[in-house]
Amino acid sequence: MGARIIENGEIGISWVMDEPMARASHALTDGEKVWLIDPVDDEAAMDRALSLGKPAVVFQLLDRHNRDCQEVADRLGVDLVALPLELRGTPFEAIEVVENRIWKERALWWKKTKTLVVAEAIGASKMFNPSEAGAGVHIGLRATPPRRQLGTYNPKHLLMGHGDPINGKQATIALQEALERSRRDLPGTMLKIPFAFR
């Protein structure tokens, strides 16, 4: 099981694991530093990520997304920042997407490049039943989609924790359509979930 490496232009790369859940990780760069987000430790992907600049920090955006975050941070000698809120010294703003007893999730917004990174609330793999635009809301949030938290952003790059990134004008269309269709598509999503892991 390897990873597909996807170039996202000047902002960096994503890599997506060849598996039903299509776990996706990201390396964002400003040309000097590299920030790693929810990394799965794939050797080729990590080599490519580290070619982009000096590693600055590893971000874990979902409480249950341990993945290989700690191992990667330890190996690179950088901090692991889980569920970030205060991001001084970085180009990112933190967004509190979900905060309750069973689910804690943050997203990152990089205003200069119009990059939105969402770990779990929005995804592009089959289990999210994405719309034609390419993204869908997690089944656990379909009844109460995070419109207030994410609906005001107009990304040029939509990077998600599951599935391929969406770049260009399609990114905003995919995000808005996912939020707008969330409740309406709930019955169909529940029917498709069993087939998403085949």
C-alpha atoms as a PDB file:
ATOM      1  CA  MET A   1       0.000   0.000   0.000  1.00  0.00           C
ATOM      2  CA  GLY A   2       1.676   3.174  -1.196  1.00  0.00           C
ATOM      3  CA  ALA A   3       0.762   6.806  -1.648  1.00  0.00           C
ATOM      4  CA  ARG A   4      -0.060   8.899  -4.684  1.00  0.00           C
ATOM      5  CA  ILE A   5       1.788  12.196  -4.505  1.00  0.00           C
ATOM      6  CA  ILE A   6      -0.205  15.162  -5.801  1.00  0.00           C
ATOM      7  CA  GLU A   7       1.415  18.495  -6.572  1.00  0.00           C
ATOM      8  CA  ASN A   8      -0.623  21.506  -5.422  1.00  0.00           C
ATOM      9  CA  GLY A   9       1.371  24.198  -7.188  1.00  0.00           C
ATOM     10  CA  GLU A  10       3.403  26.640  -5.132  1.00  0.00           C
ATOM     11  CA  ILE A  11       1.736  25.740  -1.810  1.00  0.00           C
ATOM     12  CA  GLY A  12       3.192  22.223  -1.604  1.00  0.00           C
ATOM     13  CA  ILE A  13       1.980  18.651  -1.973  1.00  0.00           C
ATOM     14  CA  SER A  14      -0.602  16.169  -0.758  1.00  0.00           C
ATOM     15  CA  TRP A  15      -0.296  12.411  -0.647  1.00  0.00           C
ATOM     16  CA  VAL A  16      -3.211   9.994  -0.672  1.00  0.00           C
ATOM     17  CA  MET A  17      -2.961   6.393   0.485  1.00  0.00           C
ATOM     18  CA  ASP A  18      -4.149   3.657  -1.872  1.00  0.00           C
ATOM     19  CA  GLU A  19      -6.886   2.299   0.396  1.00  0.00           C
ATOM     20  CA  PRO A  20     -10.694   2.594   0.712  1.00  0.00           C
ATOM     21  CA  MET A  21     -10.485   5.436   3.267  1.00  0.00           C
ATOM     22  CA  ALA A  22      -8.041   7.311   1.008  1.00  0.00           C
ATOM     23  CA  ARG A  23      -6.241   8.959   3.941  1.00  0.00           C
ATOM     24  CA  ALA A  24      -4.656  12.192   2.750  1.00  0.00           C
ATOM     25  CA  SER A  25      -1.733  14.114   4.237  1.00  0.00           C
ATOM     26  CA  HIS A  26      -0.288  17.480   3.284  1.00  0.00           C
ATOM     27  CA  ALA A  27       2.946  19.431   3.259  1.00  0.00           C
ATOM     28  CA  LEU A  28       2.535  23.192   2.933  1.00  0.00           C
ATOM     29  CA  THR A  29       5.456  25.466   2.157  1.00  0.00           C
ATOM     30  CA  ASP A  30       6.226  29.163   1.934  1.00  0.00           C
ATOM     31  CA  GLY A  31       9.397  28.381  -0.007  1.00  0.00           C
ATOM     32  CA  GLU A  32      11.524  28.084   3.129  1.00  0.00           C
ATOM     33  CA  LYS A  33       9.565  26.275   5.836  1.00  0.00           C
ATOM     34  CA  VAL A  34       7.415  23.165   5.523  1.00  0.00           C
ATOM     35  CA  TRP A  35       4.408  22.421   7.720  1.00  0.00           C
ATOM     36  CA  LEU A  36       3.254  18.797   7.775  1.00  0.00           C
ATOM     37  CA  ILE A  37      -0.423  18.117   8.371  1.00  0.00           C
ATOM     38  CA  ASP A  38      -1.833  14.783   9.597  1.00  0.00           C
ATOM     39  CA  PRO A  39       1.025  12.829   8.009  1.00  0.00           C
ATOM     40  CA  VAL A  40       0.949   9.158   7.133  1.00  0.00           C
ATOM     41  CA  ASP A  41       4.603   8.163   7.080  1.00  0.00           C
ATOM     42  CA  ASP A  42       5.092   7.123   3.453  1.00  0.00           C
ATOM     43  CA  GLU A  43       8.792   7.178   2.549  1.00  0.00           C
ATOM     44  CA  ALA A  44       8.517   8.608  -0.973  1.00  0.00           C
ATOM     45  CA  ALA A  45       5.965  11.224   0.076  1.00  0.00           C
ATOM     46  CA  MET A  46       8.011  12.300   3.077  1.00  0.00           C
ATOM     47  CA  ASP A  47      11.142  12.619   0.923  1.00  0.00           C
ATOM     48  CA  ARG A  48       9.239  14.849  -1.504  1.00  0.00           C
ATOM     49  CA  ALA A  49       7.733  16.883   1.345  1.00  0.00           C
ATOM     50  CA  LEU A  50      11.116  17.511   2.936  1.00  0.00           C
ATOM     51  CA  SER A  51      12.553  18.625  -0.405  1.00  0.00           C
ATOM     52  CA  LEU A  52      10.237  21.657  -0.180  1.00  0.00           C
ATOM     53  CA  GLY A  53      12.039  23.290   2.746  1.00  0.00           C
ATOM     54  CA  LYS A  54      12.951  23.006   6.398  1.00  0.00           C
ATOM     55  CA  PRO A  55      10.356  21.191   8.543  1.00  0.00           C
ATOM     56  CA  ALA A  56       8.776  23.605  11.018  1.00  0.00           C
ATOM     57  CA  VAL A  57       6.019  21.686  12.812  1.00  0.00           C
ATOM     58  CA  VAL A  58       3.615  18.761  12.503  1.00  0.00           C
ATOM     59  CA  PHE A  59      -0.067  19.622  12.879  1.00  0.00           C
ATOM     60  CA  GLN A  60      -2.708  17.136  14.006  1.00  0.00           C
ATOM     61  CA  LEU A  61      -6.109  18.616  13.183  1.00  0.00           C
ATOM     62  CA  LEU A  62      -8.413  15.914  14.573  1.00  0.00           C
ATOM     63  CA  ASP A  63      -8.301  14.448  18.068  1.00  0.00           C
ATOM     64  CA  ARG A  64      -8.538  10.878  16.753  1.00  0.00           C
ATOM     65  CA  HIS A  65      -6.229  11.404  13.745  1.00  0.00           C
ATOM     66  CA  ASN A  66      -3.065  10.219  15.441  1.00  0.00           C
ATOM     67  CA  ARG A  67      -1.781   8.632  12.240  1.00  0.00           C
ATOM     68  CA  ASP A  68       2.035   8.951  12.299  1.00  0.00           C
ATOM     69  CA  CYS A  69       2.088  12.520  13.613  1.00  0.00           C
ATOM     70  CA  GLN A  70       4.155  11.878  16.745  1.00  0.00           C
ATOM     71  CA  GLU A  71       6.598   9.539  15.019  1.00  0.00           C
ATOM     72  CA  VAL A  72       7.226  12.004  12.198  1.00  0.00           C
ATOM     73  CA  ALA A  73       7.640  14.938  14.593  1.00  0.00           C
ATOM     74  CA  ASP A  74      10.090  12.987  16.743  1.00  0.00           C
ATOM     75  CA  ARG A  75      12.145  11.873  13.761  1.00  0.00           C
ATOM     76  CA  LEU A  76      12.352  15.386  12.346  1.00  0.00           C
ATOM     77  CA  GLY A  77      13.015  17.003  15.719  1.00  0.00           C
ATOM     78  CA  VAL A  78      10.049  19.373  15.496  1.00  0.00           C
ATOM     79  CA  ASP A  79       6.996  19.971  17.679  1.00  0.00           C
ATOM     80  CA  LEU A  80       3.710  18.163  17.251  1.00  0.00           C
ATOM     81  CA  VAL A  81       0.884  20.669  17.634  1.00  0.00           C
ATOM     82  CA  ALA A  82      -2.429  18.882  18.148  1.00  0.00           C
ATOM     83  CA  LEU A  83      -5.699  20.768  17.728  1.00  0.00           C
ATOM     84  CA  PRO A  84      -3.993  24.123  17.185  1.00  0.00           C
ATOM     85  CA  LEU A  85      -5.702  27.329  18.236  1.00  0.00           C
ATOM     86  CA  GLU A  86      -2.892  29.873  18.560  1.00  0.00           C
ATOM     87  CA  LEU A  87      -0.660  29.946  15.472  1.00  0.00           C
ATOM     88  CA  ARG A  88       1.780  32.803  16.001  1.00  0.00           C
ATOM     89  CA  GLY A  89       4.823  32.577  13.775  1.00  0.00           C
ATOM     90  CA  THR A  90       2.919  30.754  11.035  1.00  0.00           C
ATOM     91  CA  PRO A  91       0.884  32.045   8.079  1.00  0.00           C
ATOM     92  CA  PHE A  92      -2.187  30.121   9.249  1.00  0.00           C
ATOM     93  CA  GLU A  93      -5.386  30.914  11.107  1.00  0.00           C
ATOM     94  CA  ALA A  94      -7.029  28.136  13.133  1.00  0.00           C
ATOM     95  CA  ILE A  95     -10.727  27.415  12.731  1.00  0.00           C
ATOM     96  CA  GLU A  96     -12.642  25.551  15.431  1.00  0.00           C
ATOM     97  CA  VAL A  97     -14.779  23.233  13.311  1.00  0.00           C
ATOM     98  CA  VAL A  98     -16.124  20.823  15.941  1.00  0.00           C
ATOM     99  CA  GLU A  99     -15.711  20.954  19.710  1.00  0.00           C
ATOM    100  CA  ASN A 100     -17.683  18.452  21.767  1.00  0.00           C
ATOM    101  CA  ARG A 101     -17.136  15.459  24.008  1.00  0.00           C
ATOM    102  CA  ILE A 102     -16.612  12.948  21.201  1.00  0.00           C
ATOM    103  CA  TRP A 103     -15.228  15.061  18.362  1.00  0.00           C
ATOM    104  CA  LYS A 104     -12.636  17.818  18.369  1.00  0.00           C
ATOM    105  CA  GLU A 105     -11.462  19.202  15.045  1.00  0.00           C
ATOM    106  CA  ARG A 106      -9.597  22.250  13.793  1.00  0.00           C
ATOM    107  CA  ALA A 107      -9.093  23.479  10.243  1.00  0.00           C
ATOM    108  CA  LEU A 108      -6.360  25.729   8.882  1.00  0.00           C
ATOM    109  CA  TRP A 109      -6.825  28.785   6.668  1.00  0.00           C
ATOM    110  CA  TRP A 110      -3.843  30.245   4.820  1.00  0.00           C
ATOM    111  CA  LYS A 111      -5.220  33.573   3.672  1.00  0.00           C
ATOM    112  CA  LYS A 112      -2.383  34.577   1.341  1.00  0.00           C
ATOM    113  CA  THR A 113      -2.782  31.464  -0.804  1.00  0.00           C
ATOM    114  CA  LYS A 114      -6.500  30.886  -0.109  1.00  0.00           C
ATOM    115  CA  THR A 115      -5.773  27.401   1.190  1.00  0.00           C
ATOM    116  CA  LEU A 116      -8.286  25.639   3.460  1.00  0.00           C
ATOM    117  CA  VAL A 117      -7.221  22.409   5.177  1.00  0.00           C
ATOM    118  CA  VAL A 118     -10.034  20.313   6.692  1.00  0.00           C
ATOM    119  CA  ALA A 119      -9.235  17.044   8.432  1.00  0.00           C
ATOM    120  CA  GLU A 120     -12.565  15.227   8.664  1.00  0.00           C
ATOM    121  CA  ALA A 121     -15.669  17.455   8.427  1.00  0.00           C
ATOM    122  CA  ILE A 122     -15.301  17.667   4.639  1.00  0.00           C
ATOM    123  CA  GLY A 123     -13.832  14.919   2.476  1.00  0.00           C
ATOM    124  CA  ALA A 124     -13.516  13.673  -1.081  1.00  0.00           C
ATOM    125  CA  SER A 125     -13.299   9.886  -0.656  1.00  0.00           C
ATOM    126  CA  LYS A 126     -16.229   7.570  -1.384  1.00  0.00           C
ATOM    127  CA  MET A 127     -17.302   7.402   2.252  1.00  0.00           C
ATOM    128  CA  PHE A 128     -18.150  11.125   2.106  1.00  0.00           C
ATOM    129  CA  ASN A 129     -20.523  10.575  -0.841  1.00  0.00           C
ATOM    130  CA  PRO A 130     -19.066  13.622  -2.620  1.00  0.00           C
ATOM    131  CA  SER A 131     -21.203  15.699  -4.958  1.00  0.00           C
ATOM    132  CA  GLU A 132     -20.269  16.150  -8.611  1.00  0.00           C
ATOM    133  CA  ALA A 133     -18.130  19.092  -7.509  1.00  0.00           C
ATOM    134  CA  GLY A 134     -15.945  16.648  -5.596  1.00  0.00           C
ATOM    135  CA  ALA A 135     -16.551  16.957  -1.830  1.00  0.00           C
ATOM    136  CA  GLY A 136     -19.046  15.901   0.816  1.00  0.00           C
ATOM    137  CA  VAL A 137     -19.727  16.357   4.514  1.00  0.00           C
ATOM    138  CA  HIS A 138     -18.835  13.553   6.956  1.00  0.00           C
ATOM    139  CA  ILE A 139     -21.800  11.305   7.735  1.00  0.00           C
ATOM    140  CA  GLY A 140     -21.555  12.268  11.416  1.00  0.00           C
ATOM    141  CA  LEU A 141     -22.090  15.945  10.581  1.00  0.00           C
ATOM    142  CA  ARG A 142     -24.609  15.662   7.741  1.00  0.00           C
ATOM    143  CA  ALA A 143     -27.562  16.714   9.911  1.00  0.00           C
ATOM    144  CA  THR A 144     -25.668  19.695  11.333  1.00  0.00           C
ATOM    145  CA  PRO A 145     -23.059  20.686   8.719  1.00  0.00           C
ATOM    146  CA  PRO A 146     -20.405  23.233   9.745  1.00  0.00           C
ATOM    147  CA  ARG A 147     -21.768  26.077   7.603  1.00  0.00           C
ATOM    148  CA  ARG A 148     -21.055  28.781  10.170  1.00  0.00           C
ATOM    149  CA  GLN A 149     -17.481  27.566  10.674  1.00  0.00           C
ATOM    150  CA  LEU A 150     -16.499  26.933   7.041  1.00  0.00           C
ATOM    151  CA  GLY A 151     -19.133  28.490   4.801  1.00  0.00           C
ATOM    152  CA  THR A 152     -17.577  31.962   4.628  1.00  0.00           C
ATOM    153  CA  TYR A 153     -14.310  30.742   3.061  1.00  0.00           C
ATOM    154  CA  ASN A 154     -13.646  30.816  -0.672  1.00  0.00           C
ATOM    155  CA  PRO A 155     -10.611  28.576  -1.080  1.00  0.00           C
ATOM    156  CA  LYS A 156      -8.439  28.224  -4.142  1.00  0.00           C
ATOM    157  CA  HIS A 157      -7.044  25.038  -2.587  1.00  0.00           C
ATOM    158  CA  LEU A 158      -9.254  22.649  -0.601  1.00  0.00           C
ATOM    159  CA  LEU A 159      -7.120  20.039   1.152  1.00  0.00           C
ATOM    160  CA  MET A 160      -8.959  17.313   3.051  1.00  0.00           C
ATOM    161  CA  GLY A 161      -8.026  14.414   5.296  1.00  0.00           C
ATOM    162  CA  HIS A 162      -9.610  11.856   2.969  1.00  0.00           C
ATOM    163  CA  GLY A 163      -9.433  11.921  -0.820  1.00  0.00           C
ATOM    164  CA  ASP A 164      -7.737  14.058  -3.432  1.00  0.00           C
ATOM    165  CA  PRO A 165      -7.249  17.795  -2.968  1.00  0.00           C
ATOM    166  CA  ILE A 166      -9.311  20.180  -5.099  1.00  0.00           C
ATOM    167  CA  ASN A 167      -7.447  23.108  -6.632  1.00  0.00           C
ATOM    168  CA  GLY A 168      -8.599  26.154  -8.586  1.00  0.00           C
ATOM    169  CA  LYS A 169     -12.102  27.614  -8.881  1.00  0.00           C
ATOM    170  CA  GLN A 170     -13.574  24.159  -8.249  1.00  0.00           C
ATOM    171  CA  ALA A 171     -12.366  24.270  -4.642  1.00  0.00           C
ATOM    172  CA  THR A 172     -14.901  26.884  -3.518  1.00  0.00           C
ATOM    173  CA  ILE A 173     -17.668  25.278  -5.569  1.00  0.00           C
ATOM    174  CA  ALA A 174     -16.960  21.891  -3.969  1.00  0.00           C
ATOM    175  CA  LEU A 175     -16.933  23.314  -0.442  1.00  0.00           C
ATOM    176  CA  GLN A 176     -20.141  25.299  -0.835  1.00  0.00           C
ATOM    177  CA  GLU A 177     -21.961  22.471  -2.586  1.00  0.00           C
ATOM    178  CA  ALA A 178     -20.932  20.002   0.117  1.00  0.00           C
ATOM    179  CA  LEU A 179     -22.346  22.258   2.835  1.00  0.00           C
ATOM    180  CA  GLU A 180     -25.516  23.122   0.921  1.00  0.00           C
ATOM    181  CA  ARG A 181     -26.364  19.510  -0.023  1.00  0.00           C
ATOM    182  CA  SER A 182     -25.408  17.990   3.338  1.00  0.00           C
ATOM    183  CA  ARG A 183     -28.878  17.355   4.765  1.00  0.00           C
ATOM    184  CA  ARG A 184     -30.559  16.718   1.435  1.00  0.00           C
ATOM    185  CA  ASP A 185     -28.036  13.994   0.551  1.00  0.00           C
ATOM    186  CA  LEU A 186     -28.153  12.297   3.964  1.00  0.00           C
ATOM    187  CA  PRO A 187     -30.436   9.369   2.990  1.00  0.00           C
ATOM    188  CA  GLY A 188     -28.363   8.591  -0.105  1.00  0.00           C
ATOM    189  CA  THR A 189     -25.155   8.845   1.876  1.00  0.00           C
ATOM    190  CA  MET A 190     -26.355   6.315   4.435  1.00  0.00           C
ATOM    191  CA  LEU A 191     -27.197   3.874   1.641  1.00  0.00           C
ATOM    192  CA  LYS A 192     -23.797   4.266  -0.011  1.00  0.00           C
ATOM    193  CA  ILE A 193     -21.621   4.006   3.115  1.00  0.00           C
ATOM    194  CA  PRO A 194     -21.415   0.159   3.116  1.00  0.00           C
ATOM    195  CA  PHE A 195     -20.111   0.213  -0.449  1.00  0.00           C
ATOM    196  CA  ALA A 196     -17.494   2.897   0.218  1.00  0.00           C
ATOM    197  CA  PHE A 197     -15.106   0.410   1.825  1.00  0.00           C
ATOM    198  CA  ARG A 198     -15.112  -2.130  -1.008  1.00  0.00           C
END
